[in-house]
PDB file of all heavy atoms in Angstrom:
ATOM      1  N   HIS A   1      15.383  65.165 -18.214  1.00  0.00           N
ATOM      2  CA  HIS A   1      14.679  66.169 -17.437  1.00  0.00           C
ATOM      3  C   HIS A   1      13.232  66.136 -17.461  1.00  0.00           C
ATOM      4  O   HIS A   1      12.577  67.166 -17.228  1.00  0.00           O
ATOM      5  CB  HIS A   1      15.344  67.493 -17.920  1.00  0.00           C
ATOM      6  CG  HIS A   1      16.794  67.711 -17.511  1.00  0.00           C
ATOM      7  ND1 HIS A   1      17.198  68.147 -16.375  1.00  0.00           N
ATOM      8  CD2 HIS A   1      17.811  67.493 -18.330  1.00  0.00           C
ATOM      9  CE1 HIS A   1      18.478  68.214 -16.303  1.00  0.00           C
ATOM     10  NE2 HIS A   1      18.926  67.730 -17.518  1.00  0.00           N
ATOM     11  N   GLY A   2      12.611  64.935 -17.816  1.00  0.00           N
ATOM     12  CA  GLY A   2      11.200  64.733 -17.700  1.00  0.00           C
ATOM     13  C   GLY A   2      10.562  65.179 -18.774  1.00  0.00           C
ATOM     14  O   GLY A   2       9.262  65.061 -18.836  1.00  0.00           O
ATOM     15  N   VAL A   3      11.072  65.515 -19.962  1.00  0.00           N
ATOM     16  CA  VAL A   3      10.425  66.120 -21.161  1.00  0.00           C
ATOM     17  C   VAL A   3      10.124  64.876 -22.091  1.00  0.00           C
ATOM     18  O   VAL A   3      10.936  64.112 -22.358  1.00  0.00           O
ATOM     19  CB  VAL A   3      11.179  67.195 -21.848  1.00  0.00           C
ATOM     20  CG1 VAL A   3      10.401  67.456 -23.249  1.00  0.00           C
ATOM     21  CG2 VAL A   3      11.360  68.389 -21.105  1.00  0.00           C
ATOM     22  N   THR A   4       8.833  64.678 -22.439  1.00  0.00           N
ATOM     23  CA  THR A   4       8.362  63.630 -23.274  1.00  0.00           C
ATOM     24  C   THR A   4       8.036  63.985 -24.746  1.00  0.00           C
ATOM     25  O   THR A   4       8.004  63.265 -25.657  1.00  0.00           O
ATOM     26  CB  THR A   4       7.203  62.850 -22.650  1.00  0.00           C
ATOM     27  OG1 THR A   4       6.219  63.646 -22.334  1.00  0.00           O
ATOM     28  CG2 THR A   4       7.683  62.037 -21.468  1.00  0.00           C
ATOM     29  N   THR A   5       7.729  65.280 -24.829  1.00  0.00           N
ATOM     30  CA  THR A   5       7.310  65.902 -26.173  1.00  0.00           C
ATOM     31  C   THR A   5       7.864  67.389 -26.222  1.00  0.00           C
ATOM     32  O   THR A   5       7.763  68.079 -25.247  1.00  0.00           O
ATOM     33  CB  THR A   5       5.753  65.904 -26.312  1.00  0.00           C
ATOM     34  OG1 THR A   5       5.187  64.714 -26.154  1.00  0.00           O
ATOM     35  CG2 THR A   5       5.322  66.598 -27.623  1.00  0.00           C
ATOM     36  N   MET A   6       8.472  67.694 -27.355  1.00  0.00           N
ATOM     37  CA  MET A   6       9.041  69.063 -27.470  1.00  0.00           C
ATOM     38  C   MET A   6       9.046  69.405 -28.968  1.00  0.00           C
ATOM     39  O   MET A   6       8.882  68.650 -29.909  1.00  0.00           O
ATOM     40  CB  MET A   6      10.416  69.064 -26.963  1.00  0.00           C
ATOM     41  CG  MET A   6      11.467  68.246 -27.549  1.00  0.00           C
ATOM     42  SD  MET A   6      13.049  68.189 -26.650  1.00  0.00           S
ATOM     43  CE  MET A   6      13.459  69.900 -26.541  1.00  0.00           C
ATOM     44  N   GLN A   7       9.200  70.825 -29.075  1.00  0.00           N
ATOM     45  CA  GLN A   7       9.403  71.316 -30.424  1.00  0.00           C
ATOM     46  C   GLN A   7      10.911  71.763 -30.588  1.00  0.00           C
ATOM     47  O   GLN A   7      11.407  72.206 -29.483  1.00  0.00           O
ATOM     48  CB  GLN A   7       8.557  72.573 -30.610  1.00  0.00           C
ATOM     49  CG  GLN A   7       7.003  72.333 -30.646  1.00  0.00           C
ATOM     50  CD  GLN A   7       6.199  73.430 -31.091  1.00  0.00           C
ATOM     51  OE1 GLN A   7       5.414  73.304 -32.021  1.00  0.00           O
ATOM     52  NE2 GLN A   7       6.432  74.555 -30.604  1.00  0.00           N
ATOM     53  N   ALA A   8      11.463  71.655 -31.718  1.00  0.00           N
ATOM     54  CA  ALA A   8      12.788  72.253 -32.052  1.00  0.00           C
ATOM     55  C   ALA A   8      12.643  73.603 -32.431  1.00  0.00           C
ATOM     56  O   ALA A   8      12.143  73.913 -33.567  1.00  0.00           O
ATOM     57  CB  ALA A   8      13.457  71.350 -33.058  1.00  0.00           C
ATOM     58  N   SER A   9      13.249  74.553 -31.684  1.00  0.00           N
ATOM     59  CA  SER A   9      13.146  75.966 -32.035  1.00  0.00           C
ATOM     60  C   SER A   9      14.362  76.298 -32.712  1.00  0.00           C
ATOM     61  O   SER A   9      15.484  75.977 -32.264  1.00  0.00           O
ATOM     62  CB  SER A   9      12.964  76.837 -30.788  1.00  0.00           C
ATOM     63  OG  SER A   9      11.762  76.526 -30.059  1.00  0.00           O
ATOM     64  N   LEU A  10      14.354  77.021 -33.864  1.00  0.00           N
ATOM     65  CA  LEU A  10      15.408  77.496 -34.606  1.00  0.00           C
ATOM     66  C   LEU A  10      15.469  79.051 -34.616  1.00  0.00           C
ATOM     67  O   LEU A  10      14.387  79.743 -34.700  1.00  0.00           O
ATOM     68  CB  LEU A  10      15.280  77.034 -36.144  1.00  0.00           C
ATOM     69  CG  LEU A  10      15.213  75.572 -36.470  1.00  0.00           C
ATOM     70  CD1 LEU A  10      15.129  75.266 -37.863  1.00  0.00           C
ATOM     71  CD2 LEU A  10      16.451  74.965 -35.899  1.00  0.00           C
ATOM     72  N   VAL A  11      16.677  79.536 -34.511  1.00  0.00           N
ATOM     73  CA  VAL A  11      17.001  80.999 -34.446  1.00  0.00           C
ATOM     74  C   VAL A  11      16.912  81.440 -35.801  1.00  0.00           C
ATOM     75  O   VAL A  11      16.944  80.540 -36.863  1.00  0.00           O
ATOM     76  CB  VAL A  11      18.170  81.350 -33.807  1.00  0.00           C
ATOM     77  CG1 VAL A  11      18.070  81.109 -32.273  1.00  0.00           C
ATOM     78  CG2 VAL A  11      19.422  80.784 -34.340  1.00  0.00           C
ATOM     79  N   SER A  12      16.837  82.731 -36.043  1.00  0.00           N
ATOM     80  CA  SER A  12      16.774  83.316 -37.523  1.00  0.00           C
ATOM     81  C   SER A  12      18.064  83.033 -38.227  1.00  0.00           C
ATOM     82  O   SER A  12      19.171  82.863 -37.682  1.00  0.00           O
ATOM     83  CB  SER A  12      16.652  84.878 -37.440  1.00  0.00           C
ATOM     84  OG  SER A  12      15.355  85.161 -36.661  1.00  0.00           O
ATOM     85  N   ALA A  13      17.851  82.682 -39.493  1.00  0.00           N
ATOM     86  CA  ALA A  13      18.968  82.362 -40.342  1.00  0.00           C
ATOM     87  C   ALA A  13      18.700  82.869 -41.848  1.00  0.00           C
ATOM     88  O   ALA A  13      17.517  83.099 -42.125  1.00  0.00           O
ATOM     89  CB  ALA A  13      19.157  80.858 -40.385  1.00  0.00           C
ATOM     90  N   PHE A  14      19.760  82.984 -42.646  1.00  0.00           N
ATOM     91  CA  PHE A  14      19.563  83.276 -44.018  1.00  0.00           C
ATOM     92  C   PHE A  14      18.911  82.096 -44.714  1.00  0.00           C
ATOM     93  O   PHE A  14      18.984  81.012 -44.302  1.00  0.00           O
ATOM     94  CB  PHE A  14      20.935  83.612 -44.765  1.00  0.00           C
ATOM     95  CG  PHE A  14      21.500  84.941 -44.218  1.00  0.00           C
ATOM     96  CD1 PHE A  14      22.465  84.920 -43.152  1.00  0.00           C
ATOM     97  CD2 PHE A  14      21.020  86.166 -44.645  1.00  0.00           C
ATOM     98  CE1 PHE A  14      23.009  86.117 -42.813  1.00  0.00           C
ATOM     99  CE2 PHE A  14      21.489  87.347 -44.155  1.00  0.00           C
ATOM    100  CZ  PHE A  14      22.507  87.262 -43.195  1.00  0.00           C
ATOM    101  N   PRO A  15      18.213  82.305 -45.792  1.00  0.00           N
ATOM    102  CA  PRO A  15      17.315  81.281 -46.454  1.00  0.00           C
ATOM    103  C   PRO A  15      18.112  79.901 -46.699  1.00  0.00           C
ATOM    104  O   PRO A  15      17.513  78.797 -46.314  1.00  0.00           O
ATOM    105  CB  PRO A  15      16.912  81.928 -47.658  1.00  0.00           C
ATOM    106  CG  PRO A  15      16.883  83.353 -47.416  1.00  0.00           C
ATOM    107  CD  PRO A  15      17.965  83.641 -46.480  1.00  0.00           C
ATOM    108  N   ASP A  16      19.252  79.980 -47.282  1.00  0.00           N
ATOM    109  CA  ASP A  16      19.973  78.766 -47.556  1.00  0.00           C
ATOM    110  C   ASP A  16      20.237  77.978 -46.253  1.00  0.00           C
ATOM    111  O   ASP A  16      20.209  76.735 -46.193  1.00  0.00           O
ATOM    112  CB  ASP A  16      21.209  79.020 -48.327  1.00  0.00           C
ATOM    113  CG  ASP A  16      20.974  79.325 -49.769  1.00  0.00           C
ATOM    114  OD1 ASP A  16      19.811  79.218 -50.215  1.00  0.00           O
ATOM    115  OD2 ASP A  16      21.950  79.931 -50.439  1.00  0.00           O
ATOM    116  N   ASP A  17      20.766  78.668 -45.207  1.00  0.00           N
ATOM    117  CA  ASP A  17      21.010  78.051 -43.988  1.00  0.00           C
ATOM    118  C   ASP A  17      19.824  77.446 -43.318  1.00  0.00           C
ATOM    119  O   ASP A  17      19.843  76.355 -42.813  1.00  0.00           O
ATOM    120  CB  ASP A  17      21.722  78.974 -43.014  1.00  0.00           C
ATOM    121  CG  ASP A  17      23.126  79.402 -43.367  1.00  0.00           C
ATOM    122  OD1 ASP A  17      23.850  78.515 -44.072  1.00  0.00           O
ATOM    123  OD2 ASP A  17      23.532  80.441 -42.916  1.00  0.00           O
ATOM    124  N   LEU A  18      18.745  78.217 -43.374  1.00  0.00           N
ATOM    125  CA  LEU A  18      17.545  77.747 -42.893  1.00  0.00           C
ATOM    126  C   LEU A  18      16.989  76.433 -43.450  1.00  0.00           C
ATOM    127  O   LEU A  18      16.605  75.490 -42.836  1.00  0.00           O
ATOM    128  CB  LEU A  18      16.411  78.715 -42.976  1.00  0.00           C
ATOM    129  CG  LEU A  18      15.067  78.376 -42.172  1.00  0.00           C
ATOM    130  CD1 LEU A  18      15.299  78.211 -40.843  1.00  0.00           C
ATOM    131  CD2 LEU A  18      14.092  79.637 -42.443  1.00  0.00           C
ATOM    132  N   GLU A  19      17.131  76.359 -44.840  1.00  0.00           N
ATOM    133  CA  GLU A  19      16.839  75.252 -45.613  1.00  0.00           C
ATOM    134  C   GLU A  19      17.554  73.939 -45.149  1.00  0.00           C
ATOM    135  O   GLU A  19      17.029  72.882 -44.927  1.00  0.00           O
ATOM    136  CB  GLU A  19      16.927  75.425 -47.085  1.00  0.00           C
ATOM    137  CG  GLU A  19      15.888  76.289 -47.709  1.00  0.00           C
ATOM    138  CD  GLU A  19      14.484  75.812 -47.583  1.00  0.00           C
ATOM    139  OE1 GLU A  19      14.236  74.599 -47.840  1.00  0.00           O
ATOM    140  OE2 GLU A  19      13.528  76.538 -47.101  1.00  0.00           O
ATOM    141  N   ARG A  20      18.872  74.097 -45.002  1.00  0.00           N
ATOM    142  CA  ARG A  20      19.666  73.106 -44.558  1.00  0.00           C
ATOM    143  C   ARG A  20      19.274  72.607 -43.148  1.00  0.00           C
ATOM    144  O   ARG A  20      19.280  71.323 -42.946  1.00  0.00           O
ATOM    145  CB  ARG A  20      21.115  73.465 -44.478  1.00  0.00           C
ATOM    146  CG  ARG A  20      21.852  73.465 -45.935  1.00  0.00           C
ATOM    147  CD  ARG A  20      23.375  73.602 -45.788  1.00  0.00           C
ATOM    148  NE  ARG A  20      23.718  74.937 -45.302  1.00  0.00           N
ATOM    149  CZ  ARG A  20      23.868  75.924 -46.073  1.00  0.00           C
ATOM    150  NH1 ARG A  20      23.745  75.878 -47.475  1.00  0.00           N
ATOM    151  NH2 ARG A  20      24.287  77.203 -45.629  1.00  0.00           N
ATOM    152  N   ARG A  21      18.969  73.460 -42.317  1.00  0.00           N
ATOM    153  CA  ARG A  21      18.550  73.020 -40.997  1.00  0.00           C
ATOM    154  C   ARG A  21      17.244  72.318 -41.006  1.00  0.00           C
ATOM    155  O   ARG A  21      17.030  71.331 -40.259  1.00  0.00           O
ATOM    156  CB  ARG A  21      18.459  74.226 -39.945  1.00  0.00           C
ATOM    157  CG  ARG A  21      19.940  74.788 -39.773  1.00  0.00           C
ATOM    158  CD  ARG A  21      19.859  76.252 -39.115  1.00  0.00           C
ATOM    159  NE  ARG A  21      21.119  76.864 -39.049  1.00  0.00           N
ATOM    160  CZ  ARG A  21      21.371  78.113 -38.677  1.00  0.00           C
ATOM    161  NH1 ARG A  21      20.411  78.796 -38.239  1.00  0.00           N
ATOM    162  NH2 ARG A  21      22.667  78.597 -38.731  1.00  0.00           N
ATOM    163  N   LEU A  22      16.306  72.820 -41.763  1.00  0.00           N
ATOM    164  CA  LEU A  22      15.026  72.094 -41.927  1.00  0.00           C
ATOM    165  C   LEU A  22      15.116  70.720 -42.516  1.00  0.00           C
ATOM    166  O   LEU A  22      14.459  69.833 -42.203  1.00  0.00           O
ATOM    167  CB  LEU A  22      14.024  72.965 -42.613  1.00  0.00           C
ATOM    168  CG  LEU A  22      13.576  74.237 -41.962  1.00  0.00           C
ATOM    169  CD1 LEU A  22      12.645  75.108 -42.913  1.00  0.00           C
ATOM    170  CD2 LEU A  22      12.776  73.831 -40.736  1.00  0.00           C
ATOM    171  N   ASP A  23      16.062  70.719 -43.617  1.00  0.00           N
ATOM    172  CA  ASP A  23      16.273  69.310 -44.165  1.00  0.00           C
ATOM    173  C   ASP A  23      16.759  68.293 -43.220  1.00  0.00           C
ATOM    174  O   ASP A  23      16.339  67.158 -43.085  1.00  0.00           O
ATOM    175  CB  ASP A  23      17.413  69.444 -45.202  1.00  0.00           C
ATOM    176  CG  ASP A  23      16.832  70.153 -46.495  1.00  0.00           C
ATOM    177  OD1 ASP A  23      15.635  70.248 -46.743  1.00  0.00           O
ATOM    178  OD2 ASP A  23      17.664  70.590 -47.356  1.00  0.00           O
ATOM    179  N   ALA A  24      17.700  68.797 -42.209  1.00  0.00           N
ATOM    180  CA  ALA A  24      18.199  67.899 -41.247  1.00  0.00           C
ATOM    181  C   ALA A  24      17.125  67.542 -40.206  1.00  0.00           C
ATOM    182  O   ALA A  24      16.944  66.312 -39.772  1.00  0.00           O
ATOM    183  CB  ALA A  24      19.414  68.414 -40.490  1.00  0.00           C
ATOM    184  N   LEU A  25      16.243  68.539 -39.853  1.00  0.00           N
ATOM    185  CA  LEU A  25      15.316  68.251 -38.909  1.00  0.00           C
ATOM    186  C   LEU A  25      14.199  67.320 -39.506  1.00  0.00           C
ATOM    187  O   LEU A  25      13.502  66.628 -38.735  1.00  0.00           O
ATOM    188  CB  LEU A  25      14.673  69.516 -38.373  1.00  0.00           C
ATOM    189  CG  LEU A  25      15.596  70.239 -37.294  1.00  0.00           C
ATOM    190  CD1 LEU A  25      15.191  71.670 -37.023  1.00  0.00           C
ATOM    191  CD2 LEU A  25      15.403  69.466 -35.949  1.00  0.00           C
ATOM    192  N   ALA A  26      13.998  67.381 -40.751  1.00  0.00           N
ATOM    193  CA  ALA A  26      12.940  66.516 -41.338  1.00  0.00           C
ATOM    194  C   ALA A  26      13.331  65.072 -41.253  1.00  0.00           C
ATOM    195  O   ALA A  26      12.488  64.211 -41.004  1.00  0.00           O
ATOM    196  CB  ALA A  26      12.779  66.943 -42.886  1.00  0.00           C
ATOM    197  N   ILE A  27      14.667  64.925 -41.282  1.00  0.00           N
ATOM    198  CA  ILE A  27      15.197  63.467 -41.060  1.00  0.00           C
ATOM    199  C   ILE A  27      14.955  63.037 -39.596  1.00  0.00           C
ATOM    200  O   ILE A  27      14.415  61.967 -39.319  1.00  0.00           O
ATOM    201  CB  ILE A  27      16.750  63.396 -41.317  1.00  0.00           C
ATOM    202  CG1 ILE A  27      16.944  63.682 -42.866  1.00  0.00           C
ATOM    203  CG2 ILE A  27      17.307  62.162 -40.889  1.00  0.00           C
ATOM    204  CD1 ILE A  27      18.459  63.807 -43.237  1.00  0.00           C
ATOM    205  N   THR A  28      15.337  64.099 -38.675  1.00  0.00           N
ATOM    206  CA  THR A  28      15.128  63.658 -37.224  1.00  0.00           C
ATOM    207  C   THR A  28      13.555  63.427 -36.902  1.00  0.00           C
ATOM    208  O   THR A  28      13.153  62.571 -36.191  1.00  0.00           O
ATOM    209  CB  THR A  28      15.598  64.842 -36.365  1.00  0.00           C
ATOM    210  OG1 THR A  28      16.889  65.105 -36.652  1.00  0.00           O
ATOM    211  CG2 THR A  28      15.426  64.552 -34.836  1.00  0.00           C
ATOM    212  N   PHE A  29      12.732  64.232 -37.659  1.00  0.00           N
ATOM    213  CA  PHE A  29      11.280  64.145 -37.374  1.00  0.00           C
ATOM    214  C   PHE A  29      10.676  62.750 -37.784  1.00  0.00           C
ATOM    215  O   PHE A  29       9.812  62.234 -37.181  1.00  0.00           O
ATOM    216  CB  PHE A  29      10.639  65.209 -38.155  1.00  0.00           C
ATOM    217  CG  PHE A  29       9.117  65.385 -38.026  1.00  0.00           C
ATOM    218  CD1 PHE A  29       8.528  65.669 -36.911  1.00  0.00           C
ATOM    219  CD2 PHE A  29       8.279  65.118 -39.188  1.00  0.00           C
ATOM    220  CE1 PHE A  29       7.264  65.692 -36.748  1.00  0.00           C
ATOM    221  CE2 PHE A  29       6.909  65.254 -39.049  1.00  0.00           C
ATOM    222  CZ  PHE A  29       6.349  65.486 -37.826  1.00  0.00           C
ATOM    223  N   GLU A  30      11.332  62.093 -38.737  1.00  0.00           N
ATOM    224  CA  GLU A  30      10.941  60.780 -39.218  1.00  0.00           C
ATOM    225  C   GLU A  30      11.634  59.614 -38.668  1.00  0.00           C
ATOM    226  O   GLU A  30      11.446  58.423 -38.806  1.00  0.00           O
ATOM    227  CB  GLU A  30      11.187  60.651 -40.847  1.00  0.00           C
ATOM    228  CG  GLU A  30      10.327  61.793 -41.546  1.00  0.00           C
ATOM    229  CD  GLU A  30       8.838  61.505 -41.485  1.00  0.00           C
ATOM    230  OE1 GLU A  30       8.470  60.330 -41.091  1.00  0.00           O
ATOM    231  OE2 GLU A  30       8.062  62.412 -41.688  1.00  0.00           O
ATOM    232  N   THR A  31      12.600  59.951 -37.731  1.00  0.00           N
ATOM    233  CA  THR A  31      13.541  58.894 -37.096  1.00  0.00           C
ATOM    234  C   THR A  31      13.098  58.669 -35.642  1.00  0.00           C
ATOM    235  O   THR A  31      12.974  59.508 -34.936  1.00  0.00           O
ATOM    236  CB  THR A  31      14.972  59.341 -37.137  1.00  0.00           C
ATOM    237  OG1 THR A  31      15.404  59.601 -38.511  1.00  0.00           O
ATOM    238  CG2 THR A  31      15.896  58.287 -36.558  1.00  0.00           C
ATOM    239  N   PRO A  32      12.793  57.378 -35.290  1.00  0.00           N
ATOM    240  CA  PRO A  32      12.493  57.102 -33.876  1.00  0.00           C
ATOM    241  C   PRO A  32      13.506  57.569 -32.946  1.00  0.00           C
ATOM    242  O   PRO A  32      14.697  57.455 -33.296  1.00  0.00           O
ATOM    243  CB  PRO A  32      12.303  55.549 -33.976  1.00  0.00           C
ATOM    244  CG  PRO A  32      11.999  55.213 -35.417  1.00  0.00           C
ATOM    245  CD  PRO A  32      12.817  56.212 -36.204  1.00  0.00           C
ATOM    246  N   SER A  33      13.085  58.029 -31.836  1.00  0.00           N
ATOM    247  CA  SER A  33      13.993  58.588 -30.887  1.00  0.00           C
ATOM    248  C   SER A  33      14.013  57.780 -29.608  1.00  0.00           C
ATOM    249  O   SER A  33      12.898  57.321 -29.171  1.00  0.00           O
ATOM    250  CB  SER A  33      13.671  60.041 -30.584  1.00  0.00           C
ATOM    251  OG  SER A  33      14.544  60.580 -29.412  1.00  0.00           O
ATOM    252  N   THR A  34      15.152  57.659 -28.935  1.00  0.00           N
ATOM    253  CA  THR A  34      15.146  57.058 -27.543  1.00  0.00           C
ATOM    254  C   THR A  34      15.020  58.049 -26.439  1.00  0.00           C
ATOM    255  O   THR A  34      15.112  57.839 -25.290  1.00  0.00           O
ATOM    256  CB  THR A  34      16.456  56.246 -27.363  1.00  0.00           C
ATOM    257  OG1 THR A  34      17.570  57.143 -27.601  1.00  0.00           O
ATOM    258  CG2 THR A  34      16.560  55.049 -28.255  1.00  0.00           C
ATOM    259  N   GLY A  35      14.773  59.376 -26.873  1.00  0.00           N
ATOM    260  CA  GLY A  35      14.588  60.469 -25.971  1.00  0.00           C
ATOM    261  C   GLY A  35      13.202  61.088 -26.211  1.00  0.00           C
ATOM    262  O   GLY A  35      12.267  60.236 -26.443  1.00  0.00           O
ATOM    263  N   ALA A  36      13.074  62.242 -25.870  1.00  0.00           N
ATOM    264  CA  ALA A  36      11.756  63.005 -26.019  1.00  0.00           C
ATOM    265  C   ALA A  36      11.312  62.962 -27.462  1.00  0.00           C
ATOM    266  O   ALA A  36      12.088  62.747 -28.482  1.00  0.00           O
ATOM    267  CB  ALA A  36      11.871  64.465 -25.671  1.00  0.00           C
ATOM    268  N   HIS A  37       9.970  62.858 -27.641  1.00  0.00           N
ATOM    269  CA  HIS A  37       9.403  62.872 -28.962  1.00  0.00           C
ATOM    270  C   HIS A  37       9.467  64.301 -29.641  1.00  0.00           C
ATOM    271  O   HIS A  37       9.140  65.293 -29.013  1.00  0.00           O
ATOM    272  CB  HIS A  37       7.916  62.563 -28.852  1.00  0.00           C
ATOM    273  CG  HIS A  37       7.235  62.680 -30.237  1.00  0.00           C
ATOM    274  ND1 HIS A  37       7.510  62.019 -31.393  1.00  0.00           N
ATOM    275  CD2 HIS A  37       6.162  63.418 -30.656  1.00  0.00           C
ATOM    276  CE1 HIS A  37       6.706  62.373 -32.328  1.00  0.00           C
ATOM    277  NE2 HIS A  37       5.893  63.272 -31.892  1.00  0.00           N
ATOM    278  N   LEU A  38      10.082  64.499 -30.887  1.00  0.00           N
ATOM    279  CA  LEU A  38      10.075  65.712 -31.550  1.00  0.00           C
ATOM    280  C   LEU A  38       8.723  65.847 -32.276  1.00  0.00           C
ATOM    281  O   LEU A  38       8.451  65.173 -33.311  1.00  0.00           O
ATOM    282  CB  LEU A  38      11.263  65.720 -32.578  1.00  0.00           C
ATOM    283  CG  LEU A  38      11.355  66.993 -33.386  1.00  0.00           C
ATOM    284  CD1 LEU A  38      11.639  68.172 -32.485  1.00  0.00           C
ATOM    285  CD2 LEU A  38      12.418  66.773 -34.459  1.00  0.00           C
ATOM    286  N   PHE A  39       7.932  66.715 -31.713  1.00  0.00           N
ATOM    287  CA  PHE A  39       6.602  67.017 -32.308  1.00  0.00           C
ATOM    288  C   PHE A  39       6.697  67.717 -33.563  1.00  0.00           C
ATOM    289  O   PHE A  39       5.871  67.637 -34.466  1.00  0.00           O
ATOM    290  CB  PHE A  39       5.788  67.689 -31.245  1.00  0.00           C
ATOM    291  CG  PHE A  39       4.325  67.943 -31.791  1.00  0.00           C
ATOM    292  CD1 PHE A  39       3.451  66.852 -31.949  1.00  0.00           C
ATOM    293  CD2 PHE A  39       3.863  69.181 -32.087  1.00  0.00           C
ATOM    294  CE1 PHE A  39       2.144  67.084 -32.499  1.00  0.00           C
ATOM    295  CE2 PHE A  39       2.483  69.521 -32.438  1.00  0.00           C
ATOM    296  CZ  PHE A  39       1.834  68.389 -32.682  1.00  0.00           C
ATOM    297  N   GLY A  40       7.661  68.623 -33.677  1.00  0.00           N
ATOM    298  CA  GLY A  40       7.827  69.568 -35.023  1.00  0.00           C
ATOM    299  C   GLY A  40       8.775  70.629 -34.615  1.00  0.00           C
ATOM    300  O   GLY A  40       9.478  70.512 -33.649  1.00  0.00           O
TER     301      GLY A  40
END
């Protein structure tokens, strides 16, 4: 859909759930993508 750069928005979560989601996104952040660039 024409997006080349984007941010991953997370909805509110309890602390442990939020940490798990951030751990996973940290991997995505460091992994080359064939789609839009994850800026953060």
